[in-house]
Amino acid sequence: MNESIQMKAEGADGLKLAWREMSATDVKSLVRVADEIHPELPESDSVFAERIKLFPEGCLALVDVESDEFYGYVISHPISRRQPPALDSCLGEIVSEADQYYIHDLAIFPKARGLGLAQECIDKLFVIAKEYPTTSLVSVYGTASFWRHFGFMPEEIDETLKKKVLGYGNDAVYLERNNEDLRCSQTEGDGSDLVS
C-alpha cells in the first residue's frame, strides 16, 4: 500500500481516511467509485490508467487507512491552456508545452464528505498547480458555486471548447483560476456536493 500523503480524517462511523498517490493497481477501485458517482459520464479503465501512468502526482485516492478501500479520488494533470481532454479520451502524453493545470475529476462518496477532505485534496493540487499560470476544470452537476470558493470563475470560450465542454453534460461549465493572483479560500465543510 502507498504511504498516505496528507493528514488522516476520521468520520463519525470510525472511518479513518487519507489521500494517497494512486498506482495502476488502483484502476478497478477508481472505476467503481466513478461509476457510482458519475453513471451518466462513464470513462473507460484505459483513460484512468493512462492518467495515472502519465502524471501520478496528480492522481490521488481517498482510502480507508486500514482496509485501503476507496472512498474517492482525484485525477489532474497539466494541459495546454484551454485544451482539456474530451470526456473518455486518452491524452497520449503530457505535452512539453503544457501551460495550464487541469483538474479532470474530484469525486468523494457521500459518507466521506463533511470531513474537510475535499479542501485537503484541493490544497494538495494547488501546490502542484502553482507551477502553471492558471488551473482549469469542467464543473458538472451544478458545482460551479463550490469551485468559486477556490477562485475558479467562468471564462469566455471559443466554439471548439464549448462543444468539448458540452460532452460533459448540458450543465457543464468551463472554469479557470489564476494561480498567480489568488489564494485558496477556506470554505465551510468540504463541498458535500462536490463532483468536478
N, C-alpha and C. Protein backbone atom coordinates (compact mmCIF):
# COMPACT_ATOMS: atom_id res chain seq x y z
N MET A 1 0.84 -1.18 0.00
CA MET A 1 0.00 0.00 0.00
C MET A 1 0.88 1.24 0.00
N ASN A 2 0.49 2.26 -0.77
CA ASN A 2 1.23 3.51 -0.82
C ASN A 2 1.08 4.26 0.49
N GLU A 3 2.08 5.03 0.85
CA GLU A 3 2.03 5.84 2.06
C GLU A 3 1.06 6.99 1.89
N SER A 4 0.32 7.30 2.95
CA SER A 4 -0.60 8.44 2.91
C SER A 4 0.20 9.72 2.76
N ILE A 5 -0.36 10.67 2.00
CA ILE A 5 0.38 11.90 1.74
C ILE A 5 -0.18 13.10 2.49
N GLN A 6 -1.28 12.94 3.17
CA GLN A 6 -1.88 14.05 3.91
C GLN A 6 -2.38 13.54 5.25
N MET A 7 -2.85 14.46 6.07
CA MET A 7 -3.39 14.07 7.37
C MET A 7 -4.58 13.15 7.20
N LYS A 8 -4.86 12.39 8.22
CA LYS A 8 -6.00 11.48 8.21
C LYS A 8 -7.21 12.18 8.79
N ALA A 9 -8.38 11.81 8.30
CA ALA A 9 -9.63 12.33 8.84
C ALA A 9 -10.45 11.15 9.33
N GLU A 10 -11.12 11.33 10.45
CA GLU A 10 -11.94 10.25 10.99
C GLU A 10 -13.39 10.65 10.99
N GLY A 11 -14.22 9.80 10.40
CA GLY A 11 -15.66 10.05 10.35
C GLY A 11 -16.35 9.56 11.60
N ALA A 12 -17.62 9.93 11.73
CA ALA A 12 -18.41 9.56 12.90
C ALA A 12 -18.55 8.06 13.03
N ASP A 13 -18.50 7.35 11.91
CA ASP A 13 -18.65 5.89 11.96
C ASP A 13 -17.30 5.19 12.14
N GLY A 14 -16.26 5.92 12.49
CA GLY A 14 -14.96 5.32 12.75
C GLY A 14 -14.06 5.17 11.54
N LEU A 15 -14.52 5.60 10.37
CA LEU A 15 -13.67 5.54 9.19
C LEU A 15 -12.46 6.42 9.38
N LYS A 16 -11.29 5.91 9.04
CA LYS A 16 -10.07 6.71 9.06
C LYS A 16 -9.60 6.81 7.61
N LEU A 17 -9.70 8.01 7.07
CA LEU A 17 -9.46 8.21 5.65
C LEU A 17 -8.25 9.10 5.42
N ALA A 18 -7.55 8.84 4.32
CA ALA A 18 -6.40 9.66 3.94
C ALA A 18 -6.23 9.61 2.43
N TRP A 19 -5.64 10.67 1.88
CA TRP A 19 -5.29 10.71 0.46
C TRP A 19 -3.94 10.06 0.26
N ARG A 20 -3.81 9.28 -0.80
CA ARG A 20 -2.52 8.70 -1.19
C ARG A 20 -2.42 8.68 -2.70
N GLU A 21 -1.19 8.61 -3.20
CA GLU A 21 -0.98 8.56 -4.65
C GLU A 21 -1.50 7.23 -5.18
N MET A 22 -2.09 7.27 -6.37
CA MET A 22 -2.61 6.06 -7.00
C MET A 22 -1.53 5.35 -7.81
N SER A 23 -1.79 4.07 -8.06
CA SER A 23 -0.94 3.29 -8.95
C SER A 23 -1.84 2.54 -9.92
N ALA A 24 -1.24 1.87 -10.88
CA ALA A 24 -2.01 1.13 -11.89
C ALA A 24 -2.93 0.08 -11.27
N THR A 25 -2.56 -0.45 -10.13
CA THR A 25 -3.39 -1.48 -9.49
C THR A 25 -4.67 -0.92 -8.89
N ASP A 26 -4.81 0.39 -8.87
CA ASP A 26 -5.99 1.04 -8.28
C ASP A 26 -7.12 1.31 -9.28
N VAL A 27 -6.90 1.04 -10.55
CA VAL A 27 -7.87 1.44 -11.57
C VAL A 27 -9.25 0.83 -11.33
N LYS A 28 -9.35 -0.43 -11.01
CA LYS A 28 -10.66 -1.06 -10.80
C LYS A 28 -11.42 -0.39 -9.66
N SER A 29 -10.73 -0.07 -8.56
CA SER A 29 -11.37 0.60 -7.43
C SER A 29 -11.81 2.00 -7.81
N LEU A 30 -10.98 2.71 -8.57
CA LEU A 30 -11.32 4.05 -9.04
C LEU A 30 -12.57 4.00 -9.91
N VAL A 31 -12.63 3.06 -10.84
CA VAL A 31 -13.77 2.94 -11.75
C VAL A 31 -15.05 2.62 -10.97
N ARG A 32 -14.95 1.83 -9.92
CA ARG A 32 -16.12 1.53 -9.09
C ARG A 32 -16.70 2.82 -8.51
N VAL A 33 -15.83 3.69 -7.99
CA VAL A 33 -16.29 4.97 -7.44
C VAL A 33 -16.86 5.85 -8.56
N ALA A 34 -16.13 5.96 -9.66
CA ALA A 34 -16.57 6.80 -10.79
C ALA A 34 -17.93 6.35 -11.31
N ASP A 35 -18.12 5.05 -11.46
CA ASP A 35 -19.39 4.54 -11.99
C ASP A 35 -20.56 4.84 -11.06
N GLU A 36 -20.30 4.85 -9.76
CA GLU A 36 -21.37 5.15 -8.81
C GLU A 36 -21.68 6.65 -8.76
N ILE A 37 -20.64 7.48 -8.79
CA ILE A 37 -20.85 8.92 -8.68
C ILE A 37 -21.23 9.56 -10.03
N HIS A 38 -20.66 9.04 -11.10
CA HIS A 38 -20.88 9.61 -12.45
C HIS A 38 -21.51 8.59 -13.40
N PRO A 39 -22.67 8.01 -13.10
CA PRO A 39 -23.20 6.98 -14.00
C PRO A 39 -23.47 7.48 -15.42
N GLU A 40 -23.78 8.78 -15.56
CA GLU A 40 -24.07 9.31 -16.89
C GLU A 40 -22.85 9.92 -17.57
N LEU A 41 -21.67 9.83 -16.94
CA LEU A 41 -20.43 10.33 -17.52
C LEU A 41 -19.35 9.25 -17.47
N PRO A 42 -19.60 8.11 -18.09
CA PRO A 42 -18.65 6.98 -17.98
C PRO A 42 -17.35 7.24 -18.73
N GLU A 43 -16.28 6.72 -18.14
CA GLU A 43 -14.97 6.74 -18.79
C GLU A 43 -14.37 5.35 -18.65
N SER A 44 -13.59 4.95 -19.64
CA SER A 44 -13.04 3.60 -19.66
C SER A 44 -11.85 3.46 -18.72
N ASP A 45 -11.59 2.22 -18.35
CA ASP A 45 -10.44 1.91 -17.49
C ASP A 45 -9.15 2.44 -18.10
N SER A 46 -9.03 2.35 -19.43
CA SER A 46 -7.79 2.77 -20.09
C SER A 46 -7.52 4.26 -19.94
N VAL A 47 -8.57 5.07 -19.87
CA VAL A 47 -8.40 6.52 -19.67
C VAL A 47 -7.79 6.78 -18.30
N PHE A 48 -8.36 6.16 -17.28
CA PHE A 48 -7.83 6.35 -15.93
C PHE A 48 -6.42 5.79 -15.79
N ALA A 49 -6.19 4.62 -16.35
CA ALA A 49 -4.85 4.00 -16.26
C ALA A 49 -3.80 4.90 -16.91
N GLU A 50 -4.14 5.50 -18.04
CA GLU A 50 -3.19 6.37 -18.72
C GLU A 50 -2.88 7.61 -17.89
N ARG A 51 -3.90 8.23 -17.29
CA ARG A 51 -3.66 9.43 -16.48
C ARG A 51 -2.76 9.12 -15.30
N ILE A 52 -3.00 7.99 -14.65
CA ILE A 52 -2.17 7.59 -13.51
C ILE A 52 -0.73 7.37 -13.96
N LYS A 53 -0.55 6.75 -15.11
CA LYS A 53 0.79 6.49 -15.63
C LYS A 53 1.50 7.79 -16.03
N LEU A 54 0.78 8.69 -16.69
CA LEU A 54 1.39 9.91 -17.20
C LEU A 54 1.69 10.95 -16.12
N PHE A 55 0.83 11.03 -15.09
CA PHE A 55 1.01 12.08 -14.09
C PHE A 55 0.55 11.58 -12.71
N PRO A 56 1.26 10.63 -12.14
CA PRO A 56 0.83 10.03 -10.87
C PRO A 56 0.70 11.02 -9.72
N GLU A 57 1.52 12.06 -9.71
CA GLU A 57 1.45 13.02 -8.61
C GLU A 57 0.13 13.79 -8.57
N GLY A 58 -0.61 13.80 -9.67
CA GLY A 58 -1.91 14.47 -9.71
C GLY A 58 -3.08 13.52 -9.61
N CYS A 59 -2.81 12.24 -9.35
CA CYS A 59 -3.87 11.23 -9.28
C CYS A 59 -3.84 10.61 -7.88
N LEU A 60 -4.79 10.98 -7.07
CA LEU A 60 -4.80 10.57 -5.66
C LEU A 60 -6.06 9.78 -5.35
N ALA A 61 -5.91 8.84 -4.42
CA ALA A 61 -7.03 8.03 -3.94
C ALA A 61 -7.34 8.42 -2.51
N LEU A 62 -8.62 8.53 -2.20
CA LEU A 62 -9.06 8.70 -0.83
C LEU A 62 -9.42 7.31 -0.31
N VAL A 63 -8.67 6.82 0.66
CA VAL A 63 -8.83 5.44 1.11
C VAL A 63 -8.97 5.34 2.62
N ASP A 64 -9.60 4.27 3.04
CA ASP A 64 -9.60 3.88 4.45
C ASP A 64 -8.18 3.42 4.77
N VAL A 65 -7.57 3.99 5.78
CA VAL A 65 -6.16 3.69 6.06
C VAL A 65 -5.93 2.26 6.54
N GLU A 66 -6.98 1.60 7.00
CA GLU A 66 -6.82 0.22 7.46
C GLU A 66 -7.11 -0.80 6.37
N SER A 67 -8.19 -0.58 5.59
CA SER A 67 -8.58 -1.56 4.58
C SER A 67 -8.11 -1.20 3.17
N ASP A 68 -7.72 0.03 2.94
CA ASP A 68 -7.36 0.58 1.64
C ASP A 68 -8.56 0.65 0.69
N GLU A 69 -9.77 0.56 1.23
CA GLU A 69 -10.98 0.70 0.41
C GLU A 69 -11.12 2.13 -0.07
N PHE A 70 -11.51 2.29 -1.33
CA PHE A 70 -11.67 3.62 -1.94
C PHE A 70 -12.94 4.30 -1.47
N TYR A 71 -12.80 5.61 -1.17
CA TYR A 71 -13.94 6.47 -0.86
C TYR A 71 -13.96 7.70 -1.75
N GLY A 72 -12.99 7.82 -2.63
CA GLY A 72 -12.95 8.94 -3.55
C GLY A 72 -11.63 8.96 -4.30
N TYR A 73 -11.52 9.93 -5.20
CA TYR A 73 -10.30 10.06 -5.99
C TYR A 73 -10.26 11.44 -6.62
N VAL A 74 -9.08 11.80 -7.11
CA VAL A 74 -8.91 12.97 -7.95
C VAL A 74 -7.98 12.61 -9.09
N ILE A 75 -8.31 13.10 -10.27
CA ILE A 75 -7.46 12.95 -11.46
C ILE A 75 -7.14 14.37 -11.94
N SER A 76 -5.86 14.69 -12.05
CA SER A 76 -5.46 16.03 -12.51
C SER A 76 -4.10 15.93 -13.19
N HIS A 77 -3.84 16.91 -14.05
CA HIS A 77 -2.59 16.87 -14.82
C HIS A 77 -2.44 18.17 -15.60
N PRO A 78 -1.24 18.45 -16.10
CA PRO A 78 -1.04 19.63 -16.94
C PRO A 78 -1.62 19.42 -18.34
N ILE A 79 -2.04 20.55 -18.95
CA ILE A 79 -2.53 20.56 -20.33
C ILE A 79 -2.05 21.84 -21.01
N SER A 80 -2.26 21.93 -22.30
CA SER A 80 -2.10 23.21 -22.98
C SER A 80 -3.33 24.04 -22.65
N ARG A 81 -3.15 25.33 -22.43
CA ARG A 81 -4.22 26.19 -21.95
C ARG A 81 -5.48 26.07 -22.80
N ARG A 82 -6.57 25.86 -22.08
CA ARG A 82 -7.91 25.76 -22.66
C ARG A 82 -8.05 24.62 -23.65
N GLN A 83 -7.29 23.55 -23.42
CA GLN A 83 -7.41 22.36 -24.25
C GLN A 83 -7.60 21.12 -23.37
N PRO A 84 -8.66 21.13 -22.54
CA PRO A 84 -8.90 19.94 -21.72
C PRO A 84 -9.28 18.77 -22.61
N PRO A 85 -9.02 17.57 -22.14
CA PRO A 85 -9.39 16.40 -22.95
C PRO A 85 -10.90 16.23 -23.02
N ALA A 86 -11.36 15.69 -24.11
CA ALA A 86 -12.78 15.33 -24.20
C ALA A 86 -13.04 14.20 -23.21
N LEU A 87 -14.27 14.08 -22.77
CA LEU A 87 -14.65 13.01 -21.86
C LEU A 87 -14.31 11.66 -22.49
N ASP A 88 -13.78 10.75 -21.70
CA ASP A 88 -13.44 9.39 -22.10
C ASP A 88 -12.45 9.35 -23.27
N SER A 89 -11.45 10.22 -23.20
CA SER A 89 -10.41 10.21 -24.24
C SER A 89 -9.03 10.14 -23.60
N CYS A 90 -8.14 9.43 -24.25
CA CYS A 90 -6.76 9.33 -23.77
C CYS A 90 -5.97 10.56 -24.20
N LEU A 91 -4.92 10.87 -23.46
CA LEU A 91 -4.08 12.03 -23.75
C LEU A 91 -2.95 11.70 -24.72
N GLY A 92 -2.41 10.50 -24.62
CA GLY A 92 -1.23 10.13 -25.41
C GLY A 92 0.04 10.51 -24.69
N GLU A 93 0.09 11.78 -24.21
CA GLU A 93 1.25 12.27 -23.47
C GLU A 93 0.87 13.57 -22.77
N ILE A 94 1.72 13.95 -21.82
CA ILE A 94 1.63 15.30 -21.26
C ILE A 94 2.54 16.14 -22.14
N VAL A 95 1.97 17.07 -22.87
CA VAL A 95 2.76 17.83 -23.84
C VAL A 95 3.79 18.70 -23.14
N SER A 96 4.97 18.81 -23.74
CA SER A 96 6.05 19.58 -23.13
C SER A 96 5.71 21.06 -23.01
N GLU A 97 4.83 21.55 -23.87
CA GLU A 97 4.44 22.97 -23.81
C GLU A 97 3.21 23.21 -22.92
N ALA A 98 2.85 22.23 -22.08
CA ALA A 98 1.71 22.40 -21.17
C ALA A 98 1.90 23.67 -20.35
N ASP A 99 0.85 24.50 -20.31
CA ASP A 99 0.95 25.78 -19.61
C ASP A 99 -0.27 26.05 -18.73
N GLN A 100 -0.99 24.99 -18.38
CA GLN A 100 -2.15 25.12 -17.50
C GLN A 100 -2.32 23.80 -16.75
N TYR A 101 -2.75 23.90 -15.49
CA TYR A 101 -3.04 22.69 -14.72
C TYR A 101 -4.54 22.42 -14.86
N TYR A 102 -4.91 21.15 -14.91
CA TYR A 102 -6.29 20.77 -15.17
C TYR A 102 -6.75 19.74 -14.14
N ILE A 103 -7.86 20.03 -13.47
CA ILE A 103 -8.49 19.07 -12.56
C ILE A 103 -9.59 18.38 -13.35
N HIS A 104 -9.33 17.15 -13.72
CA HIS A 104 -10.28 16.40 -14.55
C HIS A 104 -11.48 15.93 -13.74
N ASP A 105 -11.23 15.46 -12.53
CA ASP A 105 -12.32 14.94 -11.73
C ASP A 105 -11.91 14.85 -10.27
N LEU A 106 -12.80 15.28 -9.40
CA LEU A 106 -12.67 15.09 -7.95
C LEU A 106 -13.99 14.52 -7.48
N ALA A 107 -13.97 13.33 -6.95
CA ALA A 107 -15.19 12.64 -6.55
C ALA A 107 -15.00 12.00 -5.19
N ILE A 108 -15.98 12.21 -4.30
CA ILE A 108 -15.93 11.66 -2.95
C ILE A 108 -17.29 11.05 -2.63
N PHE A 109 -17.29 9.81 -2.13
CA PHE A 109 -18.54 9.17 -1.72
C PHE A 109 -19.21 10.02 -0.63
N PRO A 110 -20.55 10.07 -0.63
CA PRO A 110 -21.26 10.88 0.37
C PRO A 110 -20.87 10.58 1.82
N LYS A 111 -20.62 9.33 2.17
CA LYS A 111 -20.30 9.02 3.56
C LYS A 111 -18.94 9.55 3.99
N ALA A 112 -18.11 9.99 3.02
CA ALA A 112 -16.80 10.54 3.36
C ALA A 112 -16.77 12.07 3.24
N ARG A 113 -17.92 12.67 3.01
CA ARG A 113 -17.99 14.13 2.88
C ARG A 113 -18.18 14.78 4.25
N GLY A 114 -17.85 16.06 4.31
CA GLY A 114 -18.03 16.81 5.55
C GLY A 114 -16.87 16.69 6.51
N LEU A 115 -15.75 16.11 6.08
CA LEU A 115 -14.58 15.91 6.94
C LEU A 115 -13.41 16.79 6.55
N GLY A 116 -13.62 17.69 5.60
CA GLY A 116 -12.53 18.56 5.14
C GLY A 116 -11.62 17.91 4.12
N LEU A 117 -12.01 16.76 3.58
CA LEU A 117 -11.14 16.01 2.68
C LEU A 117 -11.06 16.62 1.28
N ALA A 118 -12.13 17.23 0.80
CA ALA A 118 -12.06 17.91 -0.50
C ALA A 118 -11.11 19.10 -0.41
N GLN A 119 -11.24 19.88 0.67
CA GLN A 119 -10.34 21.02 0.89
C GLN A 119 -8.88 20.55 0.94
N GLU A 120 -8.65 19.49 1.66
CA GLU A 120 -7.29 18.94 1.78
C GLU A 120 -6.73 18.53 0.42
N CYS A 121 -7.56 17.89 -0.38
CA CYS A 121 -7.14 17.45 -1.71
C CYS A 121 -6.86 18.65 -2.61
N ILE A 122 -7.76 19.62 -2.62
CA ILE A 122 -7.58 20.80 -3.46
C ILE A 122 -6.31 21.55 -3.06
N ASP A 123 -6.06 21.67 -1.76
CA ASP A 123 -4.83 22.31 -1.31
C ASP A 123 -3.60 21.59 -1.86
N LYS A 124 -3.62 20.28 -1.85
CA LYS A 124 -2.52 19.48 -2.38
C LYS A 124 -2.34 19.75 -3.88
N LEU A 125 -3.44 19.80 -4.62
CA LEU A 125 -3.37 20.06 -6.05
C LEU A 125 -2.82 21.45 -6.35
N PHE A 126 -3.19 22.43 -5.53
CA PHE A 126 -2.71 23.79 -5.75
C PHE A 126 -1.19 23.90 -5.55
N VAL A 127 -0.62 23.05 -4.73
CA VAL A 127 0.84 23.03 -4.59
C VAL A 127 1.47 22.64 -5.92
N ILE A 128 0.89 21.66 -6.59
CA ILE A 128 1.38 21.24 -7.91
C ILE A 128 1.07 22.32 -8.95
N ALA A 129 -0.14 22.85 -8.90
CA ALA A 129 -0.61 23.80 -9.91
C ALA A 129 0.14 25.12 -9.91
N LYS A 130 0.79 25.47 -8.83
CA LYS A 130 1.48 26.77 -8.78
C LYS A 130 2.59 26.88 -9.81
N GLU A 131 2.97 25.76 -10.41
CA GLU A 131 3.96 25.76 -11.48
C GLU A 131 3.40 26.32 -12.80
N TYR A 132 2.08 26.53 -12.84
CA TYR A 132 1.40 26.96 -14.05
C TYR A 132 0.65 28.26 -13.77
N PRO A 133 0.47 29.12 -14.78
CA PRO A 133 -0.23 30.39 -14.55
C PRO A 133 -1.68 30.22 -14.11
N THR A 134 -2.37 29.19 -14.64
CA THR A 134 -3.78 29.00 -14.34
C THR A 134 -4.08 27.53 -14.11
N THR A 135 -5.23 27.30 -13.47
CA THR A 135 -5.78 25.95 -13.31
C THR A 135 -7.19 26.00 -13.88
N SER A 136 -7.60 24.93 -14.55
CA SER A 136 -8.94 24.88 -15.13
C SER A 136 -9.63 23.58 -14.75
N LEU A 137 -10.93 23.56 -14.99
CA LEU A 137 -11.74 22.35 -14.80
C LEU A 137 -13.05 22.53 -15.52
N VAL A 138 -13.75 21.43 -15.70
CA VAL A 138 -15.11 21.48 -16.23
C VAL A 138 -16.02 21.07 -15.07
N SER A 139 -16.79 22.03 -14.59
CA SER A 139 -17.70 21.79 -13.48
C SER A 139 -18.98 21.13 -14.01
N VAL A 140 -19.42 20.07 -13.32
CA VAL A 140 -20.66 19.39 -13.68
C VAL A 140 -21.57 19.31 -12.46
N TYR A 141 -22.82 18.96 -12.70
CA TYR A 141 -23.82 18.78 -11.63
C TYR A 141 -24.03 20.04 -10.80
N GLY A 142 -23.85 21.22 -11.39
CA GLY A 142 -24.14 22.46 -10.68
C GLY A 142 -23.15 22.81 -9.58
N THR A 143 -21.91 22.37 -9.70
CA THR A 143 -20.91 22.62 -8.65
C THR A 143 -20.07 23.87 -8.85
N ALA A 144 -20.40 24.70 -9.84
CA ALA A 144 -19.59 25.90 -10.10
C ALA A 144 -19.50 26.80 -8.86
N SER A 145 -20.58 26.90 -8.08
CA SER A 145 -20.53 27.76 -6.89
C SER A 145 -19.54 27.21 -5.85
N PHE A 146 -19.44 25.90 -5.75
CA PHE A 146 -18.43 25.32 -4.85
C PHE A 146 -17.04 25.73 -5.30
N TRP A 147 -16.76 25.58 -6.58
CA TRP A 147 -15.42 25.87 -7.11
C TRP A 147 -15.09 27.36 -7.02
N ARG A 148 -16.10 28.21 -7.01
CA ARG A 148 -15.88 29.64 -6.88
C ARG A 148 -15.17 29.97 -5.56
N HIS A 149 -15.41 29.18 -4.51
CA HIS A 149 -14.74 29.38 -3.23
C HIS A 149 -13.22 29.23 -3.35
N PHE A 150 -12.78 28.57 -4.38
CA PHE A 150 -11.34 28.33 -4.59
C PHE A 150 -10.77 29.21 -5.70
N GLY A 151 -11.54 30.22 -6.10
CA GLY A 151 -11.06 31.17 -7.09
C GLY A 151 -11.36 30.81 -8.54
N PHE A 152 -12.12 29.76 -8.78
CA PHE A 152 -12.48 29.37 -10.15
C PHE A 152 -13.66 30.20 -10.63
N MET A 153 -13.53 30.74 -11.83
CA MET A 153 -14.58 31.58 -12.40
C MET A 153 -14.85 31.16 -13.85
N PRO A 154 -16.08 31.34 -14.33
CA PRO A 154 -16.37 31.06 -15.75
C PRO A 154 -15.56 32.00 -16.64
N GLU A 155 -15.18 31.50 -17.79
CA GLU A 155 -14.40 32.27 -18.76
C GLU A 155 -15.11 32.22 -20.11
N GLU A 156 -14.91 33.24 -20.92
CA GLU A 156 -15.38 33.21 -22.30
C GLU A 156 -14.56 32.16 -23.05
N ILE A 157 -15.24 31.29 -23.79
CA ILE A 157 -14.53 30.23 -24.51
C ILE A 157 -15.00 30.19 -25.96
N ASP A 158 -14.15 29.64 -26.82
CA ASP A 158 -14.50 29.56 -28.24
C ASP A 158 -15.44 28.39 -28.51
N GLU A 159 -15.93 28.31 -29.73
CA GLU A 159 -16.91 27.28 -30.11
C GLU A 159 -16.35 25.87 -29.99
N THR A 160 -15.08 25.69 -30.30
CA THR A 160 -14.46 24.36 -30.19
C THR A 160 -14.49 23.88 -28.75
N LEU A 161 -14.10 24.73 -27.83
CA LEU A 161 -14.11 24.35 -26.41
C LEU A 161 -15.54 24.19 -25.91
N LYS A 162 -16.47 25.02 -26.37
CA LYS A 162 -17.87 24.88 -25.96
C LYS A 162 -18.40 23.48 -26.31
N LYS A 163 -18.08 23.00 -27.51
CA LYS A 163 -18.53 21.67 -27.92
C LYS A 163 -17.92 20.58 -27.03
N LYS A 164 -16.66 20.73 -26.72
CA LYS A 164 -15.99 19.75 -25.86
C LYS A 164 -16.62 19.75 -24.46
N VAL A 165 -16.88 20.92 -23.91
CA VAL A 165 -17.47 21.04 -22.58
C VAL A 165 -18.87 20.42 -22.57
N LEU A 166 -19.65 20.61 -23.64
CA LEU A 166 -20.99 20.01 -23.71
C LEU A 166 -20.94 18.49 -23.65
N GLY A 167 -19.81 17.90 -24.02
CA GLY A 167 -19.63 16.46 -23.90
C GLY A 167 -19.69 15.97 -22.46
N TYR A 168 -19.53 16.90 -21.52
CA TYR A 168 -19.61 16.58 -20.09
C TYR A 168 -21.03 16.77 -19.54
N GLY A 169 -21.96 17.13 -20.39
CA GLY A 169 -23.34 17.32 -19.97
C GLY A 169 -23.82 18.72 -20.24
N ASN A 170 -25.13 18.89 -20.33
CA ASN A 170 -25.72 20.19 -20.66
C ASN A 170 -25.47 21.25 -19.61
N ASP A 171 -25.23 20.82 -18.35
CA ASP A 171 -24.99 21.80 -17.28
C ASP A 171 -23.51 22.06 -17.05
N ALA A 172 -22.63 21.49 -17.86
CA ALA A 172 -21.19 21.63 -17.67
C ALA A 172 -20.74 23.07 -17.93
N VAL A 173 -19.79 23.53 -17.11
CA VAL A 173 -19.27 24.90 -17.21
C VAL A 173 -17.75 24.85 -17.12
N TYR A 174 -17.09 25.51 -18.06
CA TYR A 174 -15.64 25.62 -18.04
C TYR A 174 -15.25 26.72 -17.05
N LEU A 175 -14.34 26.42 -16.12
CA LEU A 175 -13.89 27.37 -15.11
C LEU A 175 -12.37 27.46 -15.11
N GLU A 176 -11.87 28.65 -14.76
CA GLU A 176 -10.42 28.85 -14.63
C GLU A 176 -10.12 29.61 -13.34
N ARG A 177 -8.92 29.40 -12.85
CA ARG A 177 -8.41 30.08 -11.66
C ARG A 177 -7.03 30.62 -12.00
N ASN A 178 -6.76 31.88 -11.66
CA ASN A 178 -5.44 32.45 -11.85
C ASN A 178 -4.58 32.06 -10.65
N ASN A 179 -3.57 31.24 -10.86
CA ASN A 179 -2.75 30.75 -9.76
C ASN A 179 -1.81 31.80 -9.20
N GLU A 180 -1.52 32.83 -9.96
CA GLU A 180 -0.56 33.84 -9.52
C GLU A 180 -1.20 34.87 -8.59
N ASP A 181 -2.48 35.17 -8.77
CA ASP A 181 -3.11 36.25 -8.01
C ASP A 181 -3.97 35.79 -6.85
N LEU A 182 -4.45 34.57 -6.91
CA LEU A 182 -5.43 34.13 -5.93
C LEU A 182 -4.83 33.17 -4.92
N ARG A 183 -5.36 33.22 -3.74
CA ARG A 183 -5.02 32.26 -2.70
C ARG A 183 -6.26 31.40 -2.47
N CYS A 184 -6.03 30.16 -2.12
CA CYS A 184 -7.13 29.23 -1.86
C CYS A 184 -7.96 29.75 -0.69
N SER A 185 -9.26 29.89 -0.88
CA SER A 185 -10.15 30.31 0.19
C SER A 185 -10.51 29.12 1.06
N GLN A 186 -10.57 29.35 2.34
CA GLN A 186 -11.04 28.31 3.25
C GLN A 186 -12.56 28.31 3.15
N THR A 187 -13.16 27.12 3.12
CA THR A 187 -14.60 27.03 2.99
C THR A 187 -15.17 26.28 4.18
N GLU A 188 -16.44 26.47 4.40
CA GLU A 188 -17.14 25.70 5.41
C GLU A 188 -17.31 24.29 4.89
N GLY A 189 -16.99 23.29 5.67
CA GLY A 189 -17.12 21.89 5.26
C GLY A 189 -16.17 21.56 4.15
N ASP A 190 -16.55 20.54 3.36
CA ASP A 190 -15.65 20.13 2.28
C ASP A 190 -16.37 20.01 0.94
N GLY A 191 -17.46 20.71 0.76
CA GLY A 191 -18.15 20.65 -0.51
C GLY A 191 -18.90 19.36 -0.66
N SER A 192 -19.90 19.13 0.18
CA SER A 192 -20.57 17.85 0.22
C SER A 192 -21.26 17.48 -1.09
N ASP A 193 -21.41 18.44 -1.99
CA ASP A 193 -22.00 18.13 -3.29
C ASP A 193 -20.93 18.06 -4.36
N LEU A 194 -19.67 17.84 -3.94
CA LEU A 194 -18.55 18.01 -4.85
C LEU A 194 -18.41 16.92 -5.88
N VAL A 195 -18.45 17.31 -7.11
CA VAL A 195 -18.06 16.50 -8.26
C VAL A 195 -17.64 17.51 -9.30
N SER A 196 -16.43 17.40 -9.86
CA SER A 196 -15.99 18.43 -10.81
C SER A 196 -16.46 18.12 -12.20
